Each structure stands twice: as C-alpha cells, then as structure tokens.
Amino acid sequence: MMDAKSAKSIFDFTATDINGNEVDLSRYKGTVCIVTNFSIKDSACEKVFSMLSTLYSKFHSGTRKDLNILLFPCSQFGSKESTNDILDYFEHNSDRSVGDVFAEIDVNGSKSVELYKFMKLKKPGNCGGFINGNFTMFLTDRNGIPVERFASNVHPYLLEELIEQHCG
C-alpha cells in the first residue's frame, strides 16, 4: 500500500468501492477528478449533488469523458449511515448518480486513509490540513495531482471554469 509521503498522485492509491471491491485509482488516469467526502444526511447534500450532477453531465457525457467524481462517505461530521442507506439513496435518486461511490472512510485522525493524507499534504487548506466538514472537494489535474481544494459552498461556475482549464 502506498503511503501519502511517497505518492506522486492519486493514481498511486487503491480504494474500496461501496460493494467491497478494490479499485486501482490509476483507472482514472487522463481525466480530471473531483474527490469529495460526503454524507447523505448532510444539509448541503442535495445542493452539492445537484451541482456535481450538472458538472458530471457536461464533462462526462457522450464521447467526452474528461471528468470523474470519486465520492467517499464519511461519518466524522454527523450521523453514521449504513452502506444500505447510501446504496438506497443513489438507487432512488438516479439524478444524483454523479460518479463512483466508495466505502466509508475517515478523512481526519489516526484512521484517515492514505489517499486523504496525500491530498491534505498537497492542498492543506485553511484548517492546518484538517478536513472541517462534508463535501470538502479536491480537484486533480489529468495527472492525478491535487490542484485545488474547495468547501461545499464553492460556486459552480468557478468549479466549471477550473475543470475546463484542466481538461484542455
């Protein structure tokens, strides 16, 4: 397993998907990625998934596959959700199927996964490297390098502009 300090990109990591399968993140090579932690019980959930859905439709439709969104459930900022709750949420809200959903992780503390340690090293943000809430989004370039970090209140036009810039 790759550690955060020796990794060069998110493509050096694997993650467990919501169904328990190991996914080599190198499968996303050549695309811009948004990596975010989330909770379906978070009050910002509908707003953020609506924004991500719009971006995903624009940059990952038809023959254009420039954007991938990696969604990591995290209960460190509120209610714990079961895997079944998360699966039901996406199954009954197909307009929120905006990317690949992974197994629940910790983004802070001693149990934080190496992928998040890596992204926080590259883009520590204003909280000393800590993730301070759900929907903290990391934007990576096509090489898997984190280039931006955003909170859930990021304006969609800013995200769209930056995605376009890194897709070019």
N, C-alpha and C. Protein backbone atom coordinates (compact mmCIF):
# COMPACT_ATOMS: atom_id res chain seq x y z
N MET A 1 0.84 -1.18 0.00
CA MET A 1 0.00 0.00 0.00
C MET A 1 0.89 1.25 0.00
N MET A 2 0.54 2.21 -0.84
CA MET A 2 1.30 3.44 -0.98
C MET A 2 1.03 4.35 0.23
N ASP A 3 2.08 5.03 0.70
CA ASP A 3 1.85 5.99 1.78
C ASP A 3 1.82 7.40 1.21
N ALA A 4 1.22 8.30 1.96
CA ALA A 4 0.96 9.66 1.50
C ALA A 4 2.22 10.42 1.13
N LYS A 5 3.29 10.20 1.87
CA LYS A 5 4.51 10.98 1.64
C LYS A 5 5.28 10.56 0.41
N SER A 6 5.17 9.31 0.00
CA SER A 6 5.93 8.86 -1.17
C SER A 6 5.08 8.85 -2.45
N ALA A 7 3.80 9.06 -2.34
CA ALA A 7 2.92 9.06 -3.52
C ALA A 7 3.19 10.27 -4.40
N LYS A 8 3.01 10.10 -5.68
CA LYS A 8 3.17 11.19 -6.64
C LYS A 8 1.82 11.75 -7.10
N SER A 9 0.77 10.90 -7.05
CA SER A 9 -0.56 11.32 -7.50
C SER A 9 -1.61 10.42 -6.85
N ILE A 10 -2.87 10.76 -7.05
CA ILE A 10 -3.94 9.91 -6.51
C ILE A 10 -3.95 8.56 -7.22
N PHE A 11 -3.32 8.49 -8.39
CA PHE A 11 -3.29 7.25 -9.16
C PHE A 11 -2.39 6.19 -8.53
N ASP A 12 -1.64 6.58 -7.51
CA ASP A 12 -0.79 5.62 -6.80
C ASP A 12 -1.56 4.83 -5.74
N PHE A 13 -2.84 5.17 -5.55
CA PHE A 13 -3.63 4.56 -4.48
C PHE A 13 -4.69 3.60 -5.00
N THR A 14 -5.16 2.78 -4.09
CA THR A 14 -6.36 1.98 -4.34
C THR A 14 -7.37 2.40 -3.29
N ALA A 15 -8.63 2.13 -3.57
CA ALA A 15 -9.71 2.41 -2.62
C ALA A 15 -10.73 1.29 -2.75
N THR A 16 -11.47 1.09 -1.69
CA THR A 16 -12.51 0.07 -1.69
C THR A 16 -13.82 0.72 -2.10
N ASP A 17 -14.48 0.15 -3.12
CA ASP A 17 -15.75 0.73 -3.54
C ASP A 17 -16.87 0.33 -2.58
N ILE A 18 -18.05 0.87 -2.79
CA ILE A 18 -19.18 0.67 -1.89
C ILE A 18 -19.59 -0.81 -1.81
N ASN A 19 -19.21 -1.59 -2.82
CA ASN A 19 -19.54 -3.02 -2.84
C ASN A 19 -18.42 -3.89 -2.29
N GLY A 20 -17.34 -3.27 -1.80
CA GLY A 20 -16.25 -4.02 -1.20
C GLY A 20 -15.15 -4.43 -2.15
N ASN A 21 -15.17 -3.95 -3.38
CA ASN A 21 -14.14 -4.28 -4.37
C ASN A 21 -13.00 -3.27 -4.32
N GLU A 22 -11.77 -3.76 -4.44
CA GLU A 22 -10.61 -2.87 -4.50
C GLU A 22 -10.56 -2.24 -5.89
N VAL A 23 -10.37 -0.94 -5.92
CA VAL A 23 -10.31 -0.18 -7.16
C VAL A 23 -8.96 0.51 -7.23
N ASP A 24 -8.22 0.23 -8.29
CA ASP A 24 -6.95 0.91 -8.53
C ASP A 24 -7.29 2.28 -9.13
N LEU A 25 -6.94 3.34 -8.43
CA LEU A 25 -7.32 4.67 -8.90
C LEU A 25 -6.60 5.09 -10.17
N SER A 26 -5.63 4.30 -10.60
CA SER A 26 -4.98 4.60 -11.89
C SER A 26 -5.97 4.45 -13.05
N ARG A 27 -7.10 3.81 -12.80
CA ARG A 27 -8.13 3.70 -13.86
C ARG A 27 -8.65 5.07 -14.30
N TYR A 28 -8.42 6.10 -13.48
CA TYR A 28 -8.89 7.45 -13.80
C TYR A 28 -7.82 8.30 -14.48
N LYS A 29 -6.68 7.68 -14.80
CA LYS A 29 -5.60 8.42 -15.47
C LYS A 29 -6.12 9.10 -16.73
N GLY A 30 -5.63 10.32 -16.94
CA GLY A 30 -6.01 11.07 -18.13
C GLY A 30 -7.28 11.88 -17.96
N THR A 31 -7.92 11.79 -16.80
CA THR A 31 -9.12 12.59 -16.55
C THR A 31 -8.90 13.50 -15.36
N VAL A 32 -9.63 14.58 -15.34
CA VAL A 32 -9.69 15.45 -14.18
C VAL A 32 -10.61 14.77 -13.18
N CYS A 33 -10.28 14.83 -11.91
CA CYS A 33 -11.11 14.20 -10.88
C CYS A 33 -11.51 15.20 -9.80
N ILE A 34 -12.72 15.04 -9.32
CA ILE A 34 -13.14 15.69 -8.09
C ILE A 34 -13.26 14.56 -7.07
N VAL A 35 -12.56 14.71 -5.96
CA VAL A 35 -12.60 13.73 -4.88
C VAL A 35 -13.25 14.44 -3.70
N THR A 36 -14.33 13.85 -3.18
CA THR A 36 -15.02 14.51 -2.07
C THR A 36 -15.54 13.51 -1.05
N ASN A 37 -15.51 13.95 0.19
CA ASN A 37 -16.17 13.19 1.26
C ASN A 37 -17.61 13.70 1.34
N PHE A 38 -18.53 12.84 1.79
CA PHE A 38 -19.92 13.27 1.82
C PHE A 38 -20.71 12.50 2.87
N SER A 39 -21.88 13.02 3.15
CA SER A 39 -22.87 12.33 3.96
C SER A 39 -24.23 12.61 3.33
N ILE A 40 -25.01 11.57 3.14
CA ILE A 40 -26.34 11.78 2.56
C ILE A 40 -27.27 12.48 3.54
N LYS A 41 -26.88 12.54 4.82
CA LYS A 41 -27.70 13.20 5.83
C LYS A 41 -27.28 14.65 6.07
N ASP A 42 -26.26 15.11 5.36
CA ASP A 42 -25.78 16.47 5.50
C ASP A 42 -26.79 17.42 4.84
N SER A 43 -27.01 18.57 5.46
CA SER A 43 -27.99 19.53 4.93
C SER A 43 -27.59 20.08 3.55
N ALA A 44 -26.31 20.05 3.22
CA ALA A 44 -25.85 20.55 1.92
C ALA A 44 -25.91 19.49 0.82
N CYS A 45 -26.30 18.28 1.18
CA CYS A 45 -26.22 17.14 0.25
C CYS A 45 -26.93 17.39 -1.07
N GLU A 46 -28.19 17.77 -1.04
CA GLU A 46 -28.95 17.96 -2.28
C GLU A 46 -28.35 19.05 -3.16
N LYS A 47 -27.97 20.15 -2.53
CA LYS A 47 -27.39 21.27 -3.28
C LYS A 47 -26.08 20.85 -3.96
N VAL A 48 -25.22 20.20 -3.21
CA VAL A 48 -23.91 19.81 -3.75
C VAL A 48 -24.06 18.74 -4.83
N PHE A 49 -24.92 17.73 -4.59
CA PHE A 49 -25.10 16.70 -5.61
C PHE A 49 -25.75 17.27 -6.88
N SER A 50 -26.60 18.26 -6.73
CA SER A 50 -27.18 18.91 -7.91
C SER A 50 -26.09 19.59 -8.73
N MET A 51 -25.18 20.30 -8.04
CA MET A 51 -24.08 20.97 -8.72
C MET A 51 -23.16 19.94 -9.39
N LEU A 52 -22.81 18.88 -8.64
CA LEU A 52 -21.93 17.85 -9.20
C LEU A 52 -22.58 17.15 -10.38
N SER A 53 -23.90 16.94 -10.30
CA SER A 53 -24.63 16.30 -11.39
C SER A 53 -24.53 17.13 -12.68
N THR A 54 -24.67 18.44 -12.54
CA THR A 54 -24.56 19.33 -13.70
C THR A 54 -23.16 19.26 -14.30
N LEU A 55 -22.15 19.30 -13.45
CA LEU A 55 -20.76 19.23 -13.93
C LEU A 55 -20.47 17.89 -14.58
N TYR A 56 -20.94 16.83 -13.95
CA TYR A 56 -20.72 15.48 -14.47
C TYR A 56 -21.37 15.32 -15.83
N SER A 57 -22.58 15.85 -15.98
CA SER A 57 -23.29 15.77 -17.27
C SER A 57 -22.53 16.50 -18.36
N LYS A 58 -21.94 17.63 -18.02
CA LYS A 58 -21.22 18.41 -19.02
C LYS A 58 -19.90 17.77 -19.41
N PHE A 59 -19.15 17.26 -18.43
CA PHE A 59 -17.79 16.80 -18.70
C PHE A 59 -17.64 15.28 -18.77
N HIS A 60 -18.73 14.55 -18.60
CA HIS A 60 -18.65 13.08 -18.66
C HIS A 60 -19.88 12.52 -19.38
N SER A 61 -20.09 13.00 -20.57
CA SER A 61 -21.25 12.52 -21.33
C SER A 61 -20.86 12.28 -22.78
N GLY A 62 -21.61 11.41 -23.42
CA GLY A 62 -21.31 11.08 -24.82
C GLY A 62 -19.91 10.55 -24.94
N THR A 63 -19.17 11.11 -25.87
CA THR A 63 -17.78 10.67 -26.07
C THR A 63 -16.82 11.41 -25.15
N ARG A 64 -17.33 12.46 -24.52
CA ARG A 64 -16.48 13.25 -23.62
C ARG A 64 -16.45 12.59 -22.25
N LYS A 65 -15.28 12.17 -21.83
CA LYS A 65 -15.10 11.54 -20.52
C LYS A 65 -13.95 12.23 -19.80
N ASP A 66 -14.05 13.55 -19.67
CA ASP A 66 -12.96 14.34 -19.11
C ASP A 66 -12.96 14.41 -17.60
N LEU A 67 -14.10 14.10 -16.95
CA LEU A 67 -14.23 14.29 -15.52
C LEU A 67 -14.74 13.01 -14.85
N ASN A 68 -14.12 12.68 -13.74
CA ASN A 68 -14.62 11.62 -12.87
C ASN A 68 -14.79 12.21 -11.48
N ILE A 69 -15.82 11.75 -10.79
CA ILE A 69 -16.09 12.20 -9.43
C ILE A 69 -16.03 10.99 -8.52
N LEU A 70 -15.18 11.07 -7.52
CA LEU A 70 -14.97 9.99 -6.56
C LEU A 70 -15.59 10.40 -5.24
N LEU A 71 -16.60 9.66 -4.81
CA LEU A 71 -17.41 10.01 -3.65
C LEU A 71 -17.10 9.08 -2.48
N PHE A 72 -16.66 9.66 -1.37
CA PHE A 72 -16.29 8.88 -0.19
C PHE A 72 -17.19 9.22 0.98
N PRO A 73 -18.08 8.29 1.37
CA PRO A 73 -18.91 8.54 2.55
C PRO A 73 -18.01 8.70 3.78
N CYS A 74 -18.43 9.62 4.65
CA CYS A 74 -17.66 9.90 5.86
C CYS A 74 -18.63 10.31 6.96
N SER A 75 -18.56 9.64 8.10
CA SER A 75 -19.47 9.97 9.20
C SER A 75 -18.77 10.74 10.31
N GLN A 76 -17.63 11.33 10.01
CA GLN A 76 -16.90 12.09 11.03
C GLN A 76 -17.53 13.44 11.33
N PHE A 77 -18.52 13.86 10.55
CA PHE A 77 -19.11 15.19 10.73
C PHE A 77 -20.61 15.11 10.98
N GLY A 78 -21.08 14.01 11.50
CA GLY A 78 -22.51 13.89 11.77
C GLY A 78 -22.94 12.45 11.89
N SER A 79 -24.13 12.19 11.43
CA SER A 79 -24.76 10.88 11.58
C SER A 79 -24.04 9.79 10.80
N LYS A 80 -24.02 8.61 11.39
CA LYS A 80 -23.48 7.43 10.72
C LYS A 80 -24.54 6.89 9.78
N GLU A 81 -24.11 6.49 8.60
CA GLU A 81 -25.00 5.93 7.59
C GLU A 81 -24.55 4.52 7.27
N SER A 82 -25.49 3.65 7.04
CA SER A 82 -25.12 2.29 6.66
C SER A 82 -24.85 2.26 5.15
N THR A 83 -24.13 1.24 4.75
CA THR A 83 -23.90 1.05 3.32
C THR A 83 -25.23 0.93 2.59
N ASN A 84 -26.19 0.24 3.18
CA ASN A 84 -27.51 0.10 2.55
C ASN A 84 -28.21 1.45 2.40
N ASP A 85 -28.09 2.34 3.41
CA ASP A 85 -28.67 3.69 3.30
C ASP A 85 -28.09 4.42 2.10
N ILE A 86 -26.79 4.32 1.94
CA ILE A 86 -26.10 5.02 0.84
C ILE A 86 -26.51 4.42 -0.49
N LEU A 87 -26.51 3.09 -0.59
CA LEU A 87 -26.93 2.44 -1.83
C LEU A 87 -28.37 2.80 -2.18
N ASP A 88 -29.26 2.79 -1.19
CA ASP A 88 -30.66 3.17 -1.42
C ASP A 88 -30.78 4.60 -1.90
N TYR A 89 -30.01 5.49 -1.32
CA TYR A 89 -30.04 6.90 -1.70
C TYR A 89 -29.74 7.06 -3.20
N PHE A 90 -28.68 6.42 -3.65
CA PHE A 90 -28.31 6.56 -5.05
C PHE A 90 -29.24 5.80 -5.97
N GLU A 91 -29.75 4.67 -5.52
CA GLU A 91 -30.68 3.89 -6.33
C GLU A 91 -31.99 4.64 -6.56
N HIS A 92 -32.45 5.37 -5.55
CA HIS A 92 -33.73 6.08 -5.65
C HIS A 92 -33.57 7.53 -6.09
N ASN A 93 -32.38 7.94 -6.35
CA ASN A 93 -32.11 9.30 -6.82
C ASN A 93 -31.12 9.22 -7.98
N SER A 94 -31.56 8.67 -9.08
CA SER A 94 -30.64 8.43 -10.20
C SER A 94 -30.01 9.73 -10.72
N ASP A 95 -30.69 10.86 -10.50
CA ASP A 95 -30.11 12.13 -10.92
C ASP A 95 -28.93 12.54 -10.04
N ARG A 96 -28.69 11.81 -8.96
CA ARG A 96 -27.56 12.08 -8.09
C ARG A 96 -26.42 11.09 -8.32
N SER A 97 -26.58 10.21 -9.29
CA SER A 97 -25.51 9.27 -9.63
C SER A 97 -24.48 10.01 -10.46
N VAL A 98 -23.56 10.62 -9.78
CA VAL A 98 -22.63 11.54 -10.44
C VAL A 98 -21.20 11.03 -10.48
N GLY A 99 -21.01 9.80 -10.06
CA GLY A 99 -19.65 9.31 -10.05
C GLY A 99 -19.58 7.98 -9.35
N ASP A 100 -18.39 7.63 -8.94
CA ASP A 100 -18.15 6.35 -8.30
C ASP A 100 -18.18 6.50 -6.78
N VAL A 101 -18.98 5.66 -6.14
CA VAL A 101 -19.14 5.72 -4.69
C VAL A 101 -18.26 4.64 -4.07
N PHE A 102 -17.53 5.05 -3.06
CA PHE A 102 -16.59 4.17 -2.37
C PHE A 102 -17.10 3.84 -0.97
N ALA A 103 -16.39 2.96 -0.29
CA ALA A 103 -16.73 2.58 1.08
C ALA A 103 -16.44 3.75 2.01
N GLU A 104 -17.11 3.74 3.15
CA GLU A 104 -16.92 4.80 4.14
C GLU A 104 -15.48 4.85 4.62
N ILE A 105 -15.00 6.07 4.80
CA ILE A 105 -13.62 6.29 5.26
C ILE A 105 -13.60 7.36 6.35
N ASP A 106 -12.45 7.45 7.01
CA ASP A 106 -12.14 8.59 7.87
C ASP A 106 -11.22 9.50 7.07
N VAL A 107 -11.46 10.80 7.17
CA VAL A 107 -10.62 11.76 6.46
C VAL A 107 -9.67 12.50 7.40
N ASN A 108 -9.91 12.39 8.70
CA ASN A 108 -9.07 13.01 9.72
C ASN A 108 -8.70 11.97 10.77
N GLY A 109 -7.67 12.28 11.53
CA GLY A 109 -7.30 11.44 12.65
C GLY A 109 -6.42 10.26 12.26
N SER A 110 -6.18 9.40 13.23
CA SER A 110 -5.26 8.29 13.05
C SER A 110 -5.76 7.25 12.05
N LYS A 111 -7.06 7.20 11.81
CA LYS A 111 -7.62 6.23 10.87
C LYS A 111 -7.85 6.82 9.48
N SER A 112 -7.39 8.03 9.26
CA SER A 112 -7.52 8.66 7.95
C SER A 112 -6.82 7.82 6.90
N VAL A 113 -7.46 7.64 5.75
CA VAL A 113 -6.87 6.83 4.69
C VAL A 113 -5.72 7.60 4.02
N GLU A 114 -4.77 6.87 3.48
CA GLU A 114 -3.57 7.47 2.88
C GLU A 114 -3.93 8.42 1.73
N LEU A 115 -4.95 8.10 0.96
CA LEU A 115 -5.37 8.98 -0.14
C LEU A 115 -5.66 10.38 0.40
N TYR A 116 -6.42 10.46 1.48
CA TYR A 116 -6.75 11.77 2.04
C TYR A 116 -5.56 12.42 2.71
N LYS A 117 -4.69 11.64 3.31
CA LYS A 117 -3.46 12.21 3.86
C LYS A 117 -2.65 12.87 2.75
N PHE A 118 -2.57 12.18 1.61
CA PHE A 118 -1.85 12.70 0.45
C PHE A 118 -2.46 14.01 -0.03
N MET A 119 -3.78 14.02 -0.22
CA MET A 119 -4.43 15.24 -0.75
C MET A 119 -4.29 16.40 0.22
N LYS A 120 -4.37 16.11 1.52
CA LYS A 120 -4.22 17.18 2.52
C LYS A 120 -2.78 17.69 2.58
N LEU A 121 -1.81 16.83 2.30
CA LEU A 121 -0.42 17.29 2.21
C LEU A 121 -0.23 18.24 1.03
N LYS A 122 -0.84 17.90 -0.09
CA LYS A 122 -0.70 18.70 -1.31
C LYS A 122 -1.51 19.99 -1.24
N LYS A 123 -2.70 19.93 -0.63
CA LYS A 123 -3.59 21.09 -0.52
C LYS A 123 -4.14 21.16 0.90
N PRO A 124 -3.35 21.70 1.84
CA PRO A 124 -3.75 21.67 3.25
C PRO A 124 -4.96 22.54 3.59
N GLY A 125 -5.26 23.53 2.77
CA GLY A 125 -6.41 24.39 3.06
C GLY A 125 -6.13 25.32 4.22
N ASN A 126 -7.19 25.89 4.79
CA ASN A 126 -7.07 26.89 5.85
C ASN A 126 -7.19 26.32 7.25
N CYS A 127 -7.31 25.01 7.36
CA CYS A 127 -7.55 24.38 8.67
C CYS A 127 -6.36 23.53 9.11
N GLY A 128 -5.18 23.90 8.71
CA GLY A 128 -4.00 23.17 9.12
C GLY A 128 -3.95 21.75 8.60
N GLY A 129 -4.54 21.52 7.45
CA GLY A 129 -4.53 20.20 6.85
C GLY A 129 -5.73 19.35 7.22
N PHE A 130 -6.56 19.81 8.13
CA PHE A 130 -7.75 19.04 8.50
C PHE A 130 -8.89 19.28 7.53
N ILE A 131 -9.72 18.28 7.38
CA ILE A 131 -10.98 18.43 6.66
C ILE A 131 -11.97 18.89 7.73
N ASN A 132 -12.68 19.98 7.48
CA ASN A 132 -13.55 20.51 8.53
C ASN A 132 -15.03 20.26 8.29
N GLY A 133 -15.38 19.48 7.29
CA GLY A 133 -16.79 19.17 7.05
C GLY A 133 -16.98 18.31 5.83
N ASN A 134 -18.21 17.88 5.62
CA ASN A 134 -18.54 17.11 4.43
C ASN A 134 -18.43 17.98 3.19
N PHE A 135 -18.25 17.33 2.08
CA PHE A 135 -18.16 17.97 0.77
C PHE A 135 -16.96 18.90 0.66
N THR A 136 -15.85 18.52 1.29
CA THR A 136 -14.58 19.17 1.00
C THR A 136 -14.10 18.51 -0.27
N MET A 137 -13.95 19.31 -1.31
CA MET A 137 -13.63 18.77 -2.64
C MET A 137 -12.20 19.09 -3.04
N PHE A 138 -11.54 18.08 -3.57
CA PHE A 138 -10.22 18.24 -4.15
C PHE A 138 -10.36 18.05 -5.65
N LEU A 139 -9.81 18.98 -6.41
CA LEU A 139 -9.79 18.89 -7.86
C LEU A 139 -8.39 18.47 -8.26
N THR A 140 -8.29 17.39 -9.05
CA THR A 140 -6.98 16.95 -9.54
C THR A 140 -6.88 17.21 -11.03
N ASP A 141 -5.68 17.39 -11.49
CA ASP A 141 -5.47 17.52 -12.93
C ASP A 141 -5.45 16.12 -13.56
N ARG A 142 -5.21 16.06 -14.85
CA ARG A 142 -5.22 14.78 -15.57
C ARG A 142 -4.11 13.83 -15.10
N ASN A 143 -3.11 14.37 -14.40
CA ASN A 143 -2.01 13.56 -13.88
C ASN A 143 -2.27 13.09 -12.45
N GLY A 144 -3.45 13.41 -11.90
CA GLY A 144 -3.80 12.98 -10.56
C GLY A 144 -3.21 13.82 -9.45
N ILE A 145 -2.72 15.00 -9.79
CA ILE A 145 -2.14 15.91 -8.80
C ILE A 145 -3.23 16.86 -8.30
N PRO A 146 -3.45 16.92 -6.98
CA PRO A 146 -4.43 17.89 -6.46
C PRO A 146 -4.00 19.32 -6.78
N VAL A 147 -4.87 20.06 -7.46
CA VAL A 147 -4.55 21.43 -7.86
C VAL A 147 -5.40 22.46 -7.13
N GLU A 148 -6.53 22.05 -6.59
CA GLU A 148 -7.41 22.96 -5.86
C GLU A 148 -8.12 22.20 -4.75
N ARG A 149 -8.52 22.95 -3.73
CA ARG A 149 -9.32 22.40 -2.64
C ARG A 149 -10.45 23.38 -2.36
N PHE A 150 -11.67 22.85 -2.22
CA PHE A 150 -12.84 23.70 -2.04
C PHE A 150 -13.73 23.19 -0.92
N ALA A 151 -14.46 24.10 -0.31
CA ALA A 151 -15.51 23.74 0.64
C ALA A 151 -16.81 23.56 -0.15
N SER A 152 -17.83 23.09 0.52
CA SER A 152 -19.11 22.78 -0.14
C SER A 152 -19.78 24.01 -0.73
N ASN A 153 -19.40 25.19 -0.28
CA ASN A 153 -20.06 26.40 -0.77
C ASN A 153 -19.38 27.00 -2.00
N VAL A 154 -18.52 26.25 -2.66
CA VAL A 154 -17.85 26.74 -3.86
C VAL A 154 -18.91 27.04 -4.93
N HIS A 155 -18.69 28.12 -5.64
CA HIS A 155 -19.64 28.48 -6.70
C HIS A 155 -19.44 27.54 -7.89
N PRO A 156 -20.52 26.98 -8.42
CA PRO A 156 -20.39 26.02 -9.53
C PRO A 156 -19.67 26.57 -10.74
N TYR A 157 -19.82 27.87 -11.02
CA TYR A 157 -19.15 28.44 -12.18
C TYR A 157 -17.64 28.43 -12.02
N LEU A 158 -17.17 28.64 -10.80
CA LEU A 158 -15.73 28.58 -10.54
C LEU A 158 -15.23 27.16 -10.78
N LEU A 159 -15.94 26.19 -10.27
CA LEU A 159 -15.55 24.79 -10.48
C LEU A 159 -15.56 24.45 -11.97
N GLU A 160 -16.59 24.87 -12.67
CA GLU A 160 -16.68 24.58 -14.10
C GLU A 160 -15.52 25.20 -14.86
N GLU A 161 -15.19 26.42 -14.51
CA GLU A 161 -14.07 27.11 -15.17
C GLU A 161 -12.74 26.37 -14.93
N LEU A 162 -12.52 25.94 -13.70
CA LEU A 162 -11.28 25.24 -13.37
C LEU A 162 -11.22 23.85 -14.01
N ILE A 163 -12.34 23.17 -14.05
CA ILE A 163 -12.38 21.87 -14.73
C ILE A 163 -12.04 22.04 -16.20
N GLU A 164 -12.68 23.03 -16.83
CA GLU A 164 -12.42 23.32 -18.25
C GLU A 164 -10.94 23.62 -18.46
N GLN A 165 -10.37 24.39 -17.57
CA GLN A 165 -8.95 24.75 -17.66
C GLN A 165 -8.05 23.51 -17.61
N HIS A 166 -8.37 22.57 -16.74
CA HIS A 166 -7.54 21.38 -16.58
C HIS A 166 -7.87 20.28 -17.58
N CYS A 167 -9.01 20.39 -18.26
CA CYS A 167 -9.38 19.41 -19.28
C CYS A 167 -8.73 19.74 -20.62
N GLY A 168 -8.36 21.00 -20.79
CA GLY A 168 -7.89 21.49 -22.07
C GLY A 168 -6.63 20.90 -22.58
